[in-house]
Protein backbone atom coordinates (compact mmCIF):
# COMPACT_ATOMS: atom_id res chain seq x y z
CA MET A 1 4.72 27.79 -51.89
CA ASN A 2 2.80 30.27 -49.77
CA ARG A 3 -0.32 28.51 -48.54
CA ILE A 4 -3.15 30.53 -47.12
CA ASN A 5 -4.00 30.09 -43.47
CA ILE A 6 -7.33 28.39 -44.07
CA SER A 7 -8.47 28.42 -40.45
CA THR A 8 -7.86 32.16 -40.27
CA LEU A 9 -9.80 32.86 -43.45
CA ILE A 10 -12.72 30.64 -42.47
CA SER A 11 -13.05 32.42 -39.15
CA SER A 12 -12.49 35.86 -40.64
CA ILE A 13 -15.22 36.24 -43.25
CA SER A 14 -18.82 35.36 -42.62
CA ASN A 15 -21.01 33.79 -45.30
CA GLU A 16 -24.01 35.28 -43.53
CA VAL A 17 -25.53 38.16 -45.47
CA HIS A 18 -26.45 41.25 -43.44
CA THR A 19 -28.64 44.21 -44.36
CA ARG A 20 -26.93 47.44 -43.30
CA ASP A 21 -27.97 51.07 -43.36
CA ILE A 22 -25.81 52.76 -45.98
CA LYS A 23 -25.21 55.71 -43.61
CA GLU A 24 -23.43 53.38 -41.17
CA LEU A 25 -20.72 52.57 -43.70
CA SER A 26 -17.86 54.31 -45.45
CA LEU A 27 -15.18 53.27 -47.94
CA HIS A 28 -11.92 51.78 -46.73
CA GLU A 29 -8.76 52.88 -48.55
CA LEU A 30 -8.34 49.30 -49.82
CA ALA A 31 -11.54 49.62 -51.85
CA ASN A 32 -10.17 52.61 -53.74
CA GLU A 33 -7.16 50.67 -54.96
CA HIS A 34 -9.28 48.37 -57.12
CA PRO A 35 -9.62 49.06 -60.88
CA LYS A 36 -12.48 51.39 -61.70
CA MET A 37 -15.42 50.38 -63.82
CA THR A 38 -16.01 52.19 -67.07
CA GLU A 39 -18.96 54.57 -67.16
CA VAL A 40 -20.88 52.09 -69.31
CA GLU A 41 -20.21 49.24 -66.87
CA PHE A 42 -21.28 51.43 -63.94
CA GLN A 43 -24.52 52.41 -65.66
CA ARG A 44 -25.27 48.76 -66.37
CA LEU A 45 -24.65 47.96 -62.71
CA LYS A 46 -27.06 50.70 -61.62
CA GLU A 47 -29.71 49.49 -64.04
CA SER A 48 -29.30 45.92 -62.78
CA ILE A 49 -29.62 46.95 -59.13
CA GLN A 50 -32.60 49.14 -59.92
CA GLU A 51 -34.33 46.35 -61.82
CA ILE A 52 -33.58 43.23 -59.76
CA GLY A 53 -31.81 44.48 -56.64
CA GLN A 54 -28.33 43.94 -55.22
CA LEU A 55 -27.33 40.34 -55.92
CA GLU A 56 -23.83 40.29 -54.45
CA PRO A 57 -22.99 41.64 -50.98
CA VAL A 58 -20.18 44.12 -50.44
CA ILE A 59 -17.41 43.07 -48.05
CA VAL A 60 -17.21 45.11 -44.87
CA TYR A 61 -14.39 45.36 -42.34
CA ARG A 62 -14.87 47.45 -39.19
CA ASN A 63 -17.82 49.31 -40.77
CA GLN A 64 -15.80 50.16 -43.85
CA ILE A 65 -16.32 48.68 -47.32
CA VAL A 66 -13.14 47.00 -48.52
CA ASP A 67 -14.68 45.42 -51.62
CA GLY A 68 -17.72 46.60 -53.56
CA ARG A 69 -17.35 50.38 -53.90
CA HIS A 70 -19.19 50.45 -57.24
CA ARG A 71 -22.18 48.67 -55.73
CA TYR A 72 -22.01 51.13 -52.83
CA TRP A 73 -21.93 54.12 -55.19
CA ALA A 74 -24.71 52.69 -57.37
CA ILE A 75 -27.00 52.06 -54.40
CA GLU A 76 -26.22 55.50 -53.01
CA SER A 77 -26.88 57.24 -56.35
CA LEU A 78 -30.20 55.39 -56.67
CA GLY A 79 -31.28 56.87 -53.35
CA LEU A 80 -31.55 53.50 -51.63
CA SER A 81 -30.99 53.37 -47.89
CA GLN A 82 -29.74 49.81 -47.36
CA LEU A 83 -27.26 47.40 -48.87
CA LEU A 84 -26.26 43.76 -48.40
CA THR A 85 -22.94 42.94 -46.75
CA ASN A 86 -20.60 40.12 -45.76
CA GLU A 87 -18.69 41.02 -42.61
CA ILE A 88 -15.02 40.34 -41.92
CA ALA A 89 -14.43 39.73 -38.22
CA TYR A 90 -13.38 42.88 -36.34
CA ASN A 91 -10.20 41.32 -34.93
CA THR A 92 -8.94 40.12 -38.34
CA PRO A 93 -5.40 41.38 -39.11
CA LEU A 94 -5.20 43.80 -42.02
CA ASP A 95 -2.85 41.46 -43.90
CA THR A 96 -5.56 38.80 -43.83
CA VAL A 97 -8.10 41.35 -45.07
CA ARG A 98 -5.78 42.06 -47.99
CA GLU A 99 -5.50 38.30 -48.68
CA ILE A 100 -9.28 38.03 -48.83
CA VAL A 101 -9.79 41.13 -50.93
CA PHE A 102 -6.85 41.41 -53.29
CA GLY A 103 -6.50 37.99 -54.90
CA SER A 104 -7.09 38.43 -58.61
CA GLU A 105 -9.64 35.66 -58.29
CA VAL A 106 -11.80 37.86 -56.09
CA ARG A 107 -12.07 40.71 -58.60
CA ARG A 108 -15.60 41.38 -59.66
CA HIS A 109 -14.69 41.63 -63.33
CA GLN A 110 -14.11 37.88 -63.23
CA SER A 111 -17.13 35.68 -63.83
CA ALA A 112 -18.16 32.74 -61.67
CA THR A 113 -16.74 30.49 -64.38
CA GLN A 114 -13.34 32.22 -64.32
CA LYS A 115 -13.12 32.11 -60.53
CA ALA A 116 -13.94 28.40 -60.47
CA ILE A 117 -11.35 27.59 -63.15
CA LYS A 118 -8.70 29.60 -61.32
CA ALA A 119 -9.59 27.74 -58.13
CA TYR A 120 -9.37 24.36 -59.88
CA TRP A 121 -5.98 25.19 -61.35
CA SER A 122 -4.76 26.15 -57.89
CA THR A 123 -5.67 22.69 -56.61
CA GLN A 124 -3.67 21.14 -59.44
CA GLU A 125 -0.68 23.48 -59.49
CA HIS A 126 -0.31 24.54 -55.86
CA GLY A 127 -1.85 21.68 -53.93
CA LEU A 128 -4.73 23.61 -52.36
CA THR A 129 -7.63 21.52 -51.16
CA TYR A 130 -11.07 22.18 -52.63
CA ARG A 131 -12.04 23.78 -49.31
CA GLU A 132 -9.05 26.12 -49.38
CA ALA A 133 -9.62 26.98 -53.04
CA GLU A 134 -13.33 27.71 -52.67
CA ILE A 135 -12.66 30.22 -49.89
CA LYS A 136 -9.60 31.86 -51.44
CA PHE A 137 -11.26 32.22 -54.85
CA MET A 138 -14.81 32.79 -53.57
CA THR A 139 -16.36 29.94 -55.54
CA SER A 140 -17.85 26.56 -54.59
CA ARG A 141 -16.67 22.97 -54.52
CA THR A 142 -19.47 22.12 -56.96
CA MET A 143 -18.02 24.54 -59.51
CA ILE A 144 -14.48 23.28 -58.91
CA SER A 145 -15.72 19.71 -59.40
CA ALA A 146 -17.30 20.79 -62.68
CA CYS A 147 -13.85 21.98 -63.83
CA SER A 148 -12.33 18.65 -62.82
CA TYR A 149 -14.99 16.75 -64.78
CA ILE A 150 -14.49 18.87 -67.92
CA ASP A 151 -10.71 18.53 -67.67
CA LYS A 152 -11.00 14.74 -67.34
CA ILE A 153 -13.40 14.29 -70.25
CA LYS A 154 -12.40 17.05 -72.68
CA GLY A 155 -9.00 18.28 -71.52
CA ASN A 156 -7.58 21.55 -70.24
CA ASN A 157 -7.98 23.47 -73.51
CA ILE A 158 -11.71 23.80 -72.88
CA LEU A 159 -10.99 25.39 -69.49
CA LYS A 160 -8.36 27.70 -70.99
CA ALA A 161 -10.87 28.96 -73.56
CA LEU A 162 -13.57 29.49 -70.94
CA TYR A 163 -11.13 31.33 -68.68
CA LYS A 164 -10.36 33.74 -71.55
CA GLY A 165 -14.08 34.29 -72.03
CA ILE A 166 -14.13 32.43 -75.35
CA PRO A 167 -17.32 30.42 -75.98
CA VAL A 168 -16.75 26.72 -76.67
CA SER A 169 -18.75 24.37 -78.86
CA ILE A 170 -20.13 21.16 -77.40
CA GLY A 171 -22.13 19.30 -80.01
CA LYS A 172 -24.29 21.88 -81.75
CA ARG A 173 -24.30 24.31 -78.82
CA LYS A 174 -21.87 27.11 -78.05
CA THR A 175 -21.55 28.57 -74.55
CA SER A 176 -19.18 30.33 -72.17
CA SER A 177 -20.88 29.00 -69.02
CA LEU A 178 -18.99 26.38 -67.04
CA ARG A 179 -22.09 24.62 -65.75
CA THR A 180 -23.69 24.57 -69.21
CA VAL A 181 -20.52 23.04 -70.66
CA GLN A 182 -20.60 20.35 -67.96
CA THR A 183 -24.27 19.61 -68.66
CA LEU A 184 -23.72 19.41 -72.42
CA ILE A 185 -20.75 17.07 -72.01
CA LYS A 186 -22.78 14.79 -69.74
CA GLU A 187 -25.60 14.76 -72.29
CA GLU A 188 -23.08 13.99 -75.03
CA GLU A 189 -21.63 11.11 -72.98
CA LEU A 190 -25.11 9.73 -72.26
CA ASP A 191 -26.08 9.89 -75.95
CA ALA A 192 -22.86 8.08 -76.87
CA LYS A 193 -23.53 5.32 -74.31
CA GLU A 194 -27.10 4.90 -75.52
CA ALA A 195 -25.89 4.72 -79.12
CA ARG A 196 -23.32 2.05 -78.21
CA PHE A 197 -25.89 0.08 -76.25
CA SER A 198 -28.39 0.28 -79.11
CA LYS A 199 -25.77 -0.81 -81.61
CA GLU A 200 -24.63 -3.71 -79.44
CA THR A 201 -28.07 -4.99 -78.49
CA HIS A 202 -30.21 -4.25 -81.55
CA ILE A 203 -31.55 -7.47 -83.10
CA SER A 204 -34.25 -7.56 -85.74
CA ILE A 205 -37.51 -9.32 -84.91
CA ASP A 206 -36.87 -11.95 -87.57
CA LYS A 207 -33.36 -12.57 -86.21
CA ALA A 208 -34.72 -12.83 -82.67
CA LYS A 209 -37.36 -15.35 -83.76
CA GLU A 210 -34.74 -17.37 -85.59
CA GLU A 211 -32.42 -17.49 -82.59
CA ALA A 212 -35.31 -18.22 -80.22
CA LYS A 213 -36.49 -21.14 -82.39
CA LEU A 214 -33.01 -22.66 -82.36
CA PHE A 215 -32.86 -22.28 -78.59
CA LEU A 216 -36.32 -23.77 -78.05
CA ASP A 217 -35.60 -26.68 -80.38
CA SER A 218 -32.43 -27.39 -78.45
CA LEU A 219 -34.19 -27.00 -75.12
CA SER A 220 -36.98 -29.38 -76.12
CA ARG A 221 -34.46 -32.20 -76.28
CA GLU A 222 -33.39 -31.64 -72.68
CA PRO A 223 -34.83 -33.56 -69.70
CA THR A 224 -37.96 -32.14 -68.11
CA ALA A 225 -36.02 -31.06 -65.00
CA VAL A 226 -33.72 -28.90 -67.10
CA ILE A 227 -36.65 -27.30 -68.95
CA GLU A 228 -38.37 -26.52 -65.64
CA GLN A 229 -35.17 -24.98 -64.27
CA VAL A 230 -34.75 -22.71 -67.33
CA ALA A 231 -38.41 -21.69 -67.20
CA SER A 232 -38.15 -20.86 -63.50
CA GLY A 233 -35.06 -18.73 -64.11
CA ALA A 234 -36.74 -16.87 -66.98
CA TYR A 235 -39.84 -16.24 -64.87
CA ALA A 236 -37.70 -14.87 -62.00
CA MET A 237 -35.92 -12.46 -64.36
CA LEU A 238 -39.23 -11.17 -65.72
CA LYS A 239 -40.54 -10.56 -62.21
CA GLU A 240 -37.43 -8.56 -61.32
CA ARG A 241 -38.03 -6.25 -64.30
CA GLU A 242 -41.63 -5.47 -63.33
C-alpha cells in the first residue's frame, strides 16, 4: 500500500485563503490536463460567481494555477481583477503537487458528499487515519464521521448510492446530501427511542390509581419509620426533578 506522506502534505498546502491579483497568475500545465467542463457547466459556473462570488479557492503553486482553471477563466471573462487562492509551498516537490492535485477525490466534479465517502472508504480499505484522509481527499473529519455513522446504522449500500449521486429515502424524505441523510437518520433513531419509551412507560390514569392504591394500602401496614423513609425518598426524587 502506498501511503501518502502526511507531514509533507500538511506542510505543503495552506488552508489560508489569499486574495490575489489575477494578472499575477498564469496556468500551470498540470491544470490543463484536467477534464474540461461542458459549455453549459461553464456558463453555470460564471453565473454562480457573478451572483454570489467565488466560493472555492483555486490552488496555486509558484504563482501558477494547478487546479481551478475554469474558475480562473470565469473570473477573467467576467472582468474581475482578483480571485481567491490556496497556496502550495514554493519548495514543494512537483510529485507532491501532483499528489495533491490529481487524486480523483480532488476533482471538482465530485461533490462534498462524494469526497467524504471516498475518504471514509480509504480509512476502511487502506488504513488511512481520518487526518490523512481529510487532507488527501480535501474533506473534513466531521464529514468522514458522518459516513461512519451512516455505515454503522444503515449499512454501506446507502453510501454507495450517495456516491453514485442517487438520492436515498430516509423516512418520507429523499436526499442526496450526506449531512441531511445523517440528520434524518438521527431523527429517525430518536423517534424510535421515544416510541419505545412511550410504549414501555405508558400507564392509563385508572391503572396508575389502581396500582398506587395497592401500594398505599400495603405501605399503611408498615411501621411508621418505614413510611417516613419512603416518604423522604419520594420527596428527594421530586426535588431532583425540579
